Amino acid sequence: RHWFGRSFAGDADASDWLYREAPFALLAHGNQDDP
């Protein structure tokens, strides 16, 4: 939302759907030296 001005997943209750059922892959890494 910060970068694009909108949510990519709808409301906050979408967490379970995003994790289990989303048709796209979603990944994140931290900001360690070797993330």
Full PDB file with SEQRES, HELIX, SHEET, SSBOND, CRYST1, ORIGX, SCALE, CONECT and MASTER records, all heavy atoms in Angstrom:
SEQRES   1 A   35  ARG HIS TRP PHE GLY ARG SER PHE ALA GLY ASP ALA ASP          
SEQRES   2 A   35  ALA SER ASP TRP LEU TYR ARG GLU ALA PRO PHE ALA LEU          
SEQRES   3 A   35  LEU ALA HIS GLY ASN GLN ASP ASP PRO                          
HELIX    1 AA1 ALA A   12  ALA A   14  5                                   3    
HELIX    2 AA2 SER A   15  ARG A   20  1                                   6    
CRYST1    1.000    1.000    1.000  90.00  90.00  90.00 P 1           1          
ORIGX1      1.000000  0.000000  0.000000        0.00000                         
ORIGX2      0.000000  1.000000  0.000000        0.00000                         
ORIGX3      0.000000  0.000000  1.000000        0.00000                         
SCALE1      1.000000  0.000000  0.000000        0.00000                         
SCALE2      0.000000  1.000000  0.000000        0.00000                         
SCALE3      0.000000  0.000000  1.000000        0.00000                         
ATOM      1  N   ARG A   1       0.830  -1.209   0.000  1.00  0.00           N  
ATOM      2  CA  ARG A   1       0.000   0.000   0.000  1.00  0.00           C  
ATOM      3  C   ARG A   1       0.863   1.257   0.000  1.00  0.00           C  
ATOM      4  O   ARG A   1       0.538   2.241  -0.660  1.00  0.00           O  
ATOM      5  CB  ARG A   1      -0.931   0.010   1.218  1.00  0.00           C  
ATOM      6  CG  ARG A   1      -2.361  -0.286   0.888  1.00  0.00           C  
ATOM      7  CD  ARG A   1      -3.343  -0.027   2.022  1.00  0.00           C  
ATOM      8  NE  ARG A   1      -2.867  -0.273   3.366  1.00  0.00           N  
ATOM      9  CZ  ARG A   1      -2.854  -1.460   3.977  1.00  0.00           C  
ATOM     10  NH1 ARG A   1      -3.299  -2.516   3.339  1.00  0.00           N  
ATOM     11  NH2 ARG A   1      -2.421  -1.577   5.205  1.00  0.00           N  
ATOM     12  N   HIS A   2       1.959   1.229   0.753  1.00  0.00           N  
ATOM     13  CA  HIS A   2       2.869   2.386   0.794  1.00  0.00           C  
ATOM     14  C   HIS A   2       3.376   2.731  -0.602  1.00  0.00           C  
ATOM     15  O   HIS A   2       3.402   3.894  -0.994  1.00  0.00           O  
ATOM     16  CB  HIS A   2       4.048   2.081   1.722  1.00  0.00           C  
ATOM     17  CG  HIS A   2       5.137   3.099   1.665  1.00  0.00           C  
ATOM     18  ND1 HIS A   2       5.077   4.287   2.368  1.00  0.00           N  
ATOM     19  CD2 HIS A   2       6.308   3.126   0.977  1.00  0.00           C  
ATOM     20  CE1 HIS A   2       6.168   4.995   2.115  1.00  0.00           C  
ATOM     21  NE2 HIS A   2       6.929   4.316   1.281  1.00  0.00           N  
ATOM     22  N   TRP A   3       3.779   1.735  -1.359  1.00  0.00           N  
ATOM     23  CA  TRP A   3       4.374   1.976  -2.680  1.00  0.00           C  
ATOM     24  C   TRP A   3       3.350   2.152  -3.786  1.00  0.00           C  
ATOM     25  O   TRP A   3       3.591   2.908  -4.736  1.00  0.00           O  
ATOM     26  CB  TRP A   3       5.340   0.841  -3.045  1.00  0.00           C  
ATOM     27  CG  TRP A   3       6.498   0.778  -2.108  1.00  0.00           C  
ATOM     28  CD1 TRP A   3       6.760  -0.198  -1.180  1.00  0.00           C  
ATOM     29  CD2 TRP A   3       7.541   1.739  -1.958  1.00  0.00           C  
ATOM     30  NE1 TRP A   3       7.889   0.114  -0.482  1.00  0.00           N  
ATOM     31  CE2 TRP A   3       8.393   1.298  -0.935  1.00  0.00           C  
ATOM     32  CE3 TRP A   3       7.835   2.957  -2.584  1.00  0.00           C  
ATOM     33  CZ2 TRP A   3       9.525   2.006  -0.523  1.00  0.00           C  
ATOM     34  CZ3 TRP A   3       8.967   3.658  -2.183  1.00  0.00           C  
ATOM     35  CH2 TRP A   3       9.793   3.183  -1.165  1.00  0.00           C  
ATOM     36  N   PHE A   4       2.223   1.465  -3.702  1.00  0.00           N  
ATOM     37  CA  PHE A   4       1.277   1.446  -4.821  1.00  0.00           C  
ATOM     38  C   PHE A   4      -0.082   2.081  -4.516  1.00  0.00           C  
ATOM     39  O   PHE A   4      -0.931   2.164  -5.396  1.00  0.00           O  
ATOM     40  CB  PHE A   4       1.082   0.013  -5.326  1.00  0.00           C  
ATOM     41  CG  PHE A   4       2.377  -0.641  -5.743  1.00  0.00           C  
ATOM     42  CD1 PHE A   4       2.939  -1.644  -4.976  1.00  0.00           C  
ATOM     43  CD2 PHE A   4       3.045  -0.223  -6.878  1.00  0.00           C  
ATOM     44  CE1 PHE A   4       4.139  -2.232  -5.345  1.00  0.00           C  
ATOM     45  CE2 PHE A   4       4.247  -0.804  -7.256  1.00  0.00           C  
ATOM     46  CZ  PHE A   4       4.797  -1.812  -6.478  1.00  0.00           C  
ATOM     47  N   GLY A   5      -0.303   2.483  -3.276  1.00  0.00           N  
ATOM     48  CA  GLY A   5      -1.525   3.184  -2.929  1.00  0.00           C  
ATOM     49  C   GLY A   5      -2.770   2.326  -2.801  1.00  0.00           C  
ATOM     50  O   GLY A   5      -3.879   2.842  -2.710  1.00  0.00           O  
ATOM     51  N   ARG A   6      -2.597   1.011  -2.787  1.00  0.00           N  
ATOM     52  CA  ARG A   6      -3.742   0.111  -2.637  1.00  0.00           C  
ATOM     53  C   ARG A   6      -3.266  -1.232  -2.106  1.00  0.00           C  
ATOM     54  O   ARG A   6      -2.099  -1.566  -2.208  1.00  0.00           O  
ATOM     55  CB  ARG A   6      -4.468  -0.094  -3.960  1.00  0.00           C  
ATOM     56  CG  ARG A   6      -3.612  -0.721  -5.034  1.00  0.00           C  
ATOM     57  CD  ARG A   6      -4.368  -0.853  -6.366  1.00  0.00           C  
ATOM     58  NE  ARG A   6      -3.500  -1.343  -7.404  1.00  0.00           N  
ATOM     59  CZ  ARG A   6      -3.176  -2.613  -7.602  1.00  0.00           C  
ATOM     60  NH1 ARG A   6      -3.651  -3.540  -6.811  1.00  0.00           N  
ATOM     61  NH2 ARG A   6      -2.375  -2.964  -8.582  1.00  0.00           N  
ATOM     62  N   SER A   7      -4.194  -1.991  -1.581  1.00  0.00           N  
ATOM     63  CA  SER A   7      -3.908  -3.338  -1.096  1.00  0.00           C  
ATOM     64  C   SER A   7      -3.900  -4.293  -2.284  1.00  0.00           C  
ATOM     65  O   SER A   7      -4.657  -4.115  -3.230  1.00  0.00           O  
ATOM     66  CB  SER A   7      -4.983  -3.760  -0.099  1.00  0.00           C  
ATOM     67  OG  SER A   7      -4.834  -5.107   0.253  1.00  0.00           O  
ATOM     68  N   PHE A   8      -3.053  -5.284  -2.251  1.00  0.00           N  
ATOM     69  CA  PHE A   8      -3.080  -6.276  -3.324  1.00  0.00           C  
ATOM     70  C   PHE A   8      -4.010  -7.427  -2.990  1.00  0.00           C  
ATOM     71  O   PHE A   8      -4.309  -8.238  -3.843  1.00  0.00           O  
ATOM     72  CB  PHE A   8      -1.678  -6.808  -3.658  1.00  0.00           C  
ATOM     73  CG  PHE A   8      -1.057  -7.649  -2.583  1.00  0.00           C  
ATOM     74  CD1 PHE A   8      -1.291  -9.010  -2.503  1.00  0.00           C  
ATOM     75  CD2 PHE A   8      -0.219  -7.076  -1.661  1.00  0.00           C  
ATOM     76  CE1 PHE A   8      -0.704  -9.775  -1.532  1.00  0.00           C  
ATOM     77  CE2 PHE A   8       0.366  -7.836  -0.663  1.00  0.00           C  
ATOM     78  CZ  PHE A   8       0.114  -9.187  -0.598  1.00  0.00           C  
ATOM     79  N   ALA A   9      -4.479  -7.492  -1.754  1.00  0.00           N  
ATOM     80  CA  ALA A   9      -5.243  -8.663  -1.342  1.00  0.00           C  
ATOM     81  C   ALA A   9      -6.607  -8.360  -0.756  1.00  0.00           C  
ATOM     82  O   ALA A   9      -7.269  -9.255  -0.277  1.00  0.00           O  
ATOM     83  CB  ALA A   9      -4.424  -9.441  -0.327  1.00  0.00           C  
ATOM     84  N   GLY A  10      -6.992  -7.129  -0.762  1.00  0.00           N  
ATOM     85  CA  GLY A  10      -8.286  -6.824  -0.160  1.00  0.00           C  
ATOM     86  C   GLY A  10      -8.132  -6.500   1.306  1.00  0.00           C  
ATOM     87  O   GLY A  10      -7.212  -5.811   1.706  1.00  0.00           O  
ATOM     88  N   ASP A  11      -8.995  -7.052   2.136  1.00  0.00           N  
ATOM     89  CA  ASP A  11      -8.990  -6.690   3.551  1.00  0.00           C  
ATOM     90  C   ASP A  11      -8.013  -7.526   4.379  1.00  0.00           C  
ATOM     91  O   ASP A  11      -7.426  -8.482   3.902  1.00  0.00           O  
ATOM     92  CB  ASP A  11     -10.400  -6.791   4.130  1.00  0.00           C  
ATOM     93  CG  ASP A  11     -10.977  -8.182   4.012  1.00  0.00           C  
ATOM     94  OD1 ASP A  11     -10.234  -9.156   4.215  1.00  0.00           O  
ATOM     95  OD2 ASP A  11     -12.178  -8.299   3.725  1.00  0.00           O  
ATOM     96  N   ALA A  12      -7.866  -7.135   5.622  1.00  0.00           N  
ATOM     97  CA  ALA A  12      -6.926  -7.803   6.526  1.00  0.00           C  
ATOM     98  C   ALA A  12      -7.318  -9.249   6.799  1.00  0.00           C  
ATOM     99  O   ALA A  12      -6.482 -10.050   7.213  1.00  0.00           O  
ATOM    100  CB  ALA A  12      -6.830  -7.025   7.830  1.00  0.00           C  
ATOM    101  N   ASP A  13      -8.570  -9.607   6.577  1.00  0.00           N  
ATOM    102  CA  ASP A  13      -9.011 -10.980   6.803  1.00  0.00           C  
ATOM    103  C   ASP A  13      -8.580 -11.920   5.680  1.00  0.00           C  
ATOM    104  O   ASP A  13      -8.904 -13.100   5.704  1.00  0.00           O  
ATOM    105  CB  ASP A  13     -10.533 -11.030   6.949  1.00  0.00           C  
ATOM    106  CG  ASP A  13     -10.999 -10.324   8.207  1.00  0.00           C  
ATOM    107  OD1 ASP A  13     -10.218 -10.291   9.181  1.00  0.00           O  
ATOM    108  OD2 ASP A  13     -12.116  -9.798   8.207  1.00  0.00           O  
ATOM    109  N   ALA A  14      -7.847 -11.410   4.719  1.00  0.00           N  
ATOM    110  CA  ALA A  14      -7.411 -12.219   3.588  1.00  0.00           C  
ATOM    111  C   ALA A  14      -6.166 -13.038   3.884  1.00  0.00           C  
ATOM    112  O   ALA A  14      -5.718 -13.799   3.037  1.00  0.00           O  
ATOM    113  CB  ALA A  14      -7.153 -11.318   2.384  1.00  0.00           C  
ATOM    114  N   SER A  15      -5.610 -12.939   5.070  1.00  0.00           N  
ATOM    115  CA  SER A  15      -4.356 -13.629   5.394  1.00  0.00           C  
ATOM    116  C   SER A  15      -4.405 -15.123   5.123  1.00  0.00           C  
ATOM    117  O   SER A  15      -3.492 -15.684   4.525  1.00  0.00           O  
ATOM    118  CB  SER A  15      -3.974 -13.398   6.852  1.00  0.00           C  
ATOM    119  OG  SER A  15      -3.710 -12.060   7.085  1.00  0.00           O  
ATOM    120  N   ASP A  16      -5.452 -15.779   5.587  1.00  0.00           N  
ATOM    121  CA  ASP A  16      -5.549 -17.227   5.401  1.00  0.00           C  
ATOM    122  C   ASP A  16      -5.671 -17.566   3.921  1.00  0.00           C  
ATOM    123  O   ASP A  16      -5.017 -18.490   3.433  1.00  0.00           O  
ATOM    124  CB  ASP A  16      -6.732 -17.789   6.193  1.00  0.00           C  
ATOM    125  CG  ASP A  16      -6.708 -19.295   6.234  1.00  0.00           C  
ATOM    126  OD1 ASP A  16      -5.708 -19.852   6.732  1.00  0.00           O  
ATOM    127  OD2 ASP A  16      -7.680 -19.921   5.752  1.00  0.00           O  
ATOM    128  N   TRP A  17      -6.483 -16.811   3.181  1.00  0.00           N  
ATOM    129  CA  TRP A  17      -6.626 -17.039   1.736  1.00  0.00           C  
ATOM    130  C   TRP A  17      -5.287 -16.843   1.029  1.00  0.00           C  
ATOM    131  O   TRP A  17      -4.911 -17.645   0.185  1.00  0.00           O  
ATOM    132  CB  TRP A  17      -7.677 -16.104   1.150  1.00  0.00           C  
ATOM    133  CG  TRP A  17      -7.822 -16.264  -0.334  1.00  0.00           C  
ATOM    134  CD1 TRP A  17      -8.591 -17.183  -0.987  1.00  0.00           C  
ATOM    135  CD2 TRP A  17      -7.153 -15.518  -1.344  1.00  0.00           C  
ATOM    136  NE1 TRP A  17      -8.438 -17.046  -2.349  1.00  0.00           N  
ATOM    137  CE2 TRP A  17      -7.554 -16.026  -2.588  1.00  0.00           C  
ATOM    138  CE3 TRP A  17      -6.244 -14.457  -1.324  1.00  0.00           C  
ATOM    139  CZ2 TRP A  17      -7.080 -15.522  -3.802  1.00  0.00           C  
ATOM    140  CZ3 TRP A  17      -5.769 -13.959  -2.523  1.00  0.00           C  
ATOM    141  CH2 TRP A  17      -6.186 -14.487  -3.746  1.00  0.00           C  
ATOM    142  N   LEU A  18      -4.582 -15.764   1.367  1.00  0.00           N  
ATOM    143  CA  LEU A  18      -3.280 -15.493   0.754  1.00  0.00           C  
ATOM    144  C   LEU A  18      -2.304 -16.633   0.996  1.00  0.00           C  
ATOM    145  O   LEU A  18      -1.543 -17.009   0.110  1.00  0.00           O  
ATOM    146  CB  LEU A  18      -2.665 -14.208   1.314  1.00  0.00           C  
ATOM    147  CG  LEU A  18      -3.133 -12.927   0.704  1.00  0.00           C  
ATOM    148  CD1 LEU A  18      -2.617 -11.739   1.512  1.00  0.00           C  
ATOM    149  CD2 LEU A  18      -2.661 -12.826  -0.728  1.00  0.00           C  
ATOM    150  N   TYR A  19      -2.311 -17.144   2.195  1.00  0.00           N  
ATOM    151  CA  TYR A  19      -1.373 -18.216   2.523  1.00  0.00           C  
ATOM    152  C   TYR A  19      -1.758 -19.533   1.852  1.00  0.00           C  
ATOM    153  O   TYR A  19      -0.936 -20.187   1.243  1.00  0.00           O  
ATOM    154  CB  TYR A  19      -1.263 -18.416   4.041  1.00  0.00           C  
ATOM    155  CG  TYR A  19      -0.316 -19.540   4.364  1.00  0.00           C  
ATOM    156  CD1 TYR A  19       1.060 -19.356   4.258  1.00  0.00           C  
ATOM    157  CD2 TYR A  19      -0.787 -20.798   4.719  1.00  0.00           C  
ATOM    158  CE1 TYR A  19       1.936 -20.400   4.509  1.00  0.00           C  
ATOM    159  CE2 TYR A  19       0.083 -21.839   4.978  1.00  0.00           C  
ATOM    160  CZ  TYR A  19       1.441 -21.640   4.870  1.00  0.00           C  
ATOM    161  OH  TYR A  19       2.313 -22.677   5.105  1.00  0.00           O  
ATOM    162  N   ARG A  20      -3.018 -19.915   1.945  1.00  0.00           N  
ATOM    163  CA  ARG A  20      -3.429 -21.249   1.500  1.00  0.00           C  
ATOM    164  C   ARG A  20      -3.903 -21.343   0.052  1.00  0.00           C  
ATOM    165  O   ARG A  20      -3.656 -22.336  -0.611  1.00  0.00           O  
ATOM    166  CB  ARG A  20      -4.535 -21.773   2.402  1.00  0.00           C  
ATOM    167  CG  ARG A  20      -4.125 -21.948   3.833  1.00  0.00           C  
ATOM    168  CD  ARG A  20      -5.286 -22.444   4.700  1.00  0.00           C  
ATOM    169  NE  ARG A  20      -5.015 -22.285   6.114  1.00  0.00           N  
ATOM    170  CZ  ARG A  20      -4.152 -23.006   6.807  1.00  0.00           C  
ATOM    171  NH1 ARG A  20      -3.468 -23.946   6.206  1.00  0.00           N  
ATOM    172  NH2 ARG A  20      -3.970 -22.791   8.092  1.00  0.00           N  
ATOM    173  N   GLU A  21      -4.610 -20.316  -0.454  1.00  0.00           N  
ATOM    174  CA  GLU A  21      -5.337 -20.478  -1.704  1.00  0.00           C  
ATOM    175  C   GLU A  21      -4.954 -19.536  -2.836  1.00  0.00           C  
ATOM    176  O   GLU A  21      -5.412 -19.739  -3.961  1.00  0.00           O  
ATOM    177  CB  GLU A  21      -6.836 -20.320  -1.428  1.00  0.00           C  
ATOM    178  CG  GLU A  21      -7.367 -21.348  -0.449  1.00  0.00           C  
ATOM    179  CD  GLU A  21      -8.817 -21.097  -0.099  1.00  0.00           C  
ATOM    180  OE1 GLU A  21      -9.583 -20.701  -1.000  1.00  0.00           O  
ATOM    181  OE2 GLU A  21      -9.182 -21.292   1.072  1.00  0.00           O  
ATOM    182  N   ALA A  22      -4.186 -18.513  -2.559  1.00  0.00           N  
ATOM    183  CA  ALA A  22      -3.860 -17.535  -3.608  1.00  0.00           C  
ATOM    184  C   ALA A  22      -3.259 -18.243  -4.823  1.00  0.00           C  
ATOM    185  O   ALA A  22      -2.436 -19.144  -4.672  1.00  0.00           O  
ATOM    186  CB  ALA A  22      -2.887 -16.490  -3.067  1.00  0.00           C  
ATOM    187  N   PRO A  23      -3.657 -17.839  -6.037  1.00  0.00           N  
ATOM    188  CA  PRO A  23      -3.152 -18.474  -7.249  1.00  0.00           C  
ATOM    189  C   PRO A  23      -1.774 -17.958  -7.660  1.00  0.00           C  
ATOM    190  O   PRO A  23      -1.234 -18.384  -8.670  1.00  0.00           O  
ATOM    191  CB  PRO A  23      -4.202 -18.113  -8.294  1.00  0.00           C  
ATOM    192  CG  PRO A  23      -4.729 -16.793  -7.826  1.00  0.00           C  
ATOM    193  CD  PRO A  23      -4.715 -16.866  -6.317  1.00  0.00           C  
ATOM    194  N   PHE A  24      -1.215 -17.046  -6.895  1.00  0.00           N  
ATOM    195  CA  PHE A  24       0.109 -16.493  -7.174  1.00  0.00           C  
ATOM    196  C   PHE A  24       1.047 -16.833  -6.022  1.00  0.00           C  
ATOM    197  O   PHE A  24       0.623 -17.073  -4.892  1.00  0.00           O  
ATOM    198  CB  PHE A  24       0.030 -14.971  -7.356  1.00  0.00           C  
ATOM    199  CG  PHE A  24      -0.695 -14.256  -6.250  1.00  0.00           C  
ATOM    200  CD1 PHE A  24      -0.054 -13.941  -5.055  1.00  0.00           C  
ATOM    201  CD2 PHE A  24      -2.031 -13.910  -6.402  1.00  0.00           C  
ATOM    202  CE1 PHE A  24      -0.728 -13.287  -4.035  1.00  0.00           C  
ATOM    203  CE2 PHE A  24      -2.715 -13.255  -5.390  1.00  0.00           C  
ATOM    204  CZ  PHE A  24      -2.056 -12.948  -4.198  1.00  0.00           C  
ATOM    205  N   ALA A  25       2.329 -16.866  -6.339  1.00  0.00           N  
ATOM    206  CA  ALA A  25       3.340 -17.092  -5.307  1.00  0.00           C  
ATOM    207  C   ALA A  25       3.662 -15.755  -4.649  1.00  0.00           C  
ATOM    208  O   ALA A  25       3.790 -14.736  -5.328  1.00  0.00           O  
ATOM    209  CB  ALA A  25       4.593 -17.702  -5.920  1.00  0.00           C  
ATOM    210  N   LEU A  26       3.776 -15.763  -3.333  1.00  0.00           N  
ATOM    211  CA  LEU A  26       4.102 -14.572  -2.561  1.00  0.00           C  
ATOM    212  C   LEU A  26       5.203 -14.939  -1.580  1.00  0.00           C  
ATOM    213  O   LEU A  26       5.049 -15.877  -0.793  1.00  0.00           O  
ATOM    214  CB  LEU A  26       2.858 -14.076  -1.819  1.00  0.00           C  
ATOM    215  CG  LEU A  26       3.012 -12.829  -0.972  1.00  0.00           C  
ATOM    216  CD1 LEU A  26       3.377 -11.612  -1.840  1.00  0.00           C  
ATOM    217  CD2 LEU A  26       1.720 -12.550  -0.200  1.00  0.00           C  
ATOM    218  N   LEU A  27       6.324 -14.225  -1.676  1.00  0.00           N  
ATOM    219  CA  LEU A  27       7.478 -14.474  -0.819  1.00  0.00           C  
ATOM    220  C   LEU A  27       7.967 -13.176  -0.217  1.00  0.00           C  
ATOM    221  O   LEU A  27       7.750 -12.112  -0.795  1.00  0.00           O  
ATOM    222  CB  LEU A  27       8.649 -15.049  -1.652  1.00  0.00           C  
ATOM    223  CG  LEU A  27       8.422 -16.360  -2.349  1.00  0.00           C  
ATOM    224  CD1 LEU A  27       8.875 -16.266  -3.784  1.00  0.00           C  
ATOM    225  CD2 LEU A  27       9.198 -17.432  -1.641  1.00  0.00           C  
ATOM    226  N   ALA A  28       8.657 -13.280   0.901  1.00  0.00           N  
ATOM    227  CA  ALA A  28       9.301 -12.110   1.489  1.00  0.00           C  
ATOM    228  C   ALA A  28      10.572 -12.558   2.174  1.00  0.00           C  
ATOM    229  O   ALA A  28      10.658 -13.681   2.698  1.00  0.00           O  
ATOM    230  CB  ALA A  28       8.380 -11.432   2.495  1.00  0.00           C  
ATOM    231  N   HIS A  29      11.575 -11.680   2.136  1.00  0.00           N  
ATOM    232  CA  HIS A  29      12.788 -11.945   2.912  1.00  0.00           C  
ATOM    233  C   HIS A  29      13.111 -10.729   3.766  1.00  0.00           C  
ATOM    234  O   HIS A  29      12.656  -9.626   3.498  1.00  0.00           O  
ATOM    235  CB  HIS A  29      13.958 -12.382   2.028  1.00  0.00           C  
ATOM    236  CG  HIS A  29      14.574 -11.335   1.170  1.00  0.00           C  
ATOM    237  ND1 HIS A  29      14.978 -11.570  -0.112  1.00  0.00           N  
ATOM    238  CD2 HIS A  29      14.911 -10.036   1.401  1.00  0.00           C  
ATOM    239  CE1 HIS A  29      15.524 -10.485  -0.624  1.00  0.00           C  
ATOM    240  NE2 HIS A  29      15.483  -9.532   0.277  1.00  0.00           N  
ATOM    241  N   GLY A  30      13.884 -10.976   4.816  1.00  0.00           N  
ATOM    242  CA  GLY A  30      14.271  -9.918   5.738  1.00  0.00           C  
ATOM    243  C   GLY A  30      15.386  -9.067   5.169  1.00  0.00           C  
ATOM    244  O   GLY A  30      15.752  -9.185   4.001  1.00  0.00           O  
ATOM    245  N   ASN A  31      15.952  -8.225   6.018  1.00  0.00           N  
ATOM    246  CA  ASN A  31      16.997  -7.319   5.539  1.00  0.00           C  
ATOM    247  C   ASN A  31      18.366  -7.633   6.148  1.00  0.00           C  
ATOM    248  O   ASN A  31      19.180  -6.746   6.333  1.00  0.00           O  
ATOM    249  CB  ASN A  31      16.597  -5.857   5.770  1.00  0.00           C  
ATOM    250  CG  ASN A  31      16.405  -5.521   7.235  1.00  0.00           C  
ATOM    251  OD1 ASN A  31      16.427  -6.402   8.085  1.00  0.00           O  
ATOM    252  ND2 ASN A  31      16.210  -4.250   7.529  1.00  0.00           N  
ATOM    253  N   GLN A  32      18.612  -8.909   6.413  1.00  0.00           N  
ATOM    254  CA  GLN A  32      19.919  -9.332   6.883  1.00  0.00           C  
ATOM    255  C   GLN A  32      20.967  -9.112   5.778  1.00  0.00           C  
ATOM    256  O   GLN A  32      20.618  -8.866   4.624  1.00  0.00           O  
ATOM    257  CB  GLN A  32      19.917 -10.827   7.249  1.00  0.00           C  
ATOM    258  CG  GLN A  32      18.859 -11.248   8.249  1.00  0.00           C  
ATOM    259  CD  GLN A  32      17.573 -11.715   7.609  1.00  0.00           C  
ATOM    260  OE1 GLN A  32      17.217 -11.363   6.483  1.00  0.00           O  
ATOM    261  NE2 GLN A  32      16.818 -12.511   8.344  1.00  0.00           N  
ATOM    262  N   ASP A  33      22.241  -9.215   6.126  1.00  0.00           N  
ATOM    263  CA  ASP A  33      23.300  -9.094   5.119  1.00  0.00           C  
ATOM    264  C   ASP A  33      23.129 -10.153   4.025  1.00  0.00           C  
ATOM    265  O   ASP A  33      23.374  -9.883   2.860  1.00  0.00           O  
ATOM    266  CB  ASP A  33      24.679  -9.219   5.764  1.00  0.00           C  
ATOM    267  CG  ASP A  33      25.048  -7.997   6.591  1.00  0.00           C  
ATOM    268  OD1 ASP A  33      24.476  -6.900   6.337  1.00  0.00           O  
ATOM    269  OD2 ASP A  33      25.890  -8.128   7.488  1.00  0.00           O  
ATOM    270  N   ASP A  34      22.767 -11.354   4.409  1.00  0.00           N  
ATOM    271  CA  ASP A  34      22.439 -12.433   3.476  1.00  0.00           C  
ATOM    272  C   ASP A  34      20.967 -12.751   3.746  1.00  0.00           C  
ATOM    273  O   ASP A  34      20.653 -13.626   4.553  1.00  0.00           O  
ATOM    274  CB  ASP A  34      23.329 -13.648   3.734  1.00  0.00           C  
ATOM    275  CG  ASP A  34      23.177 -14.742   2.694  1.00  0.00           C  
ATOM    276  OD1 ASP A  34      22.511 -14.521   1.651  1.00  0.00           O  
ATOM    277  OD2 ASP A  34      23.737 -15.842   2.920  1.00  0.00           O  
ATOM    278  N   PRO A  35      20.037 -12.009   3.095  1.00  0.00           N  
ATOM    279  CA  PRO A  35      18.610 -12.090   3.467  1.00  0.00           C  
ATOM    280  C   PRO A  35      18.059 -13.508   3.444  1.00  0.00           C  
ATOM    281  O   PRO A  35      18.362 -14.299   2.553  1.00  0.00           O  
ATOM    282  CB  PRO A  35      17.924 -11.226   2.407  1.00  0.00           C  
ATOM    283  CG  PRO A  35      18.987 -10.319   1.909  1.00  0.00           C  
ATOM    284  CD  PRO A  35      20.263 -11.110   1.978  1.00  0.00           C  
TER     285      PRO A  35                                                      
MASTER        0    0    0    2    0    0    0    6  284    1    0    3          
END                                                                             
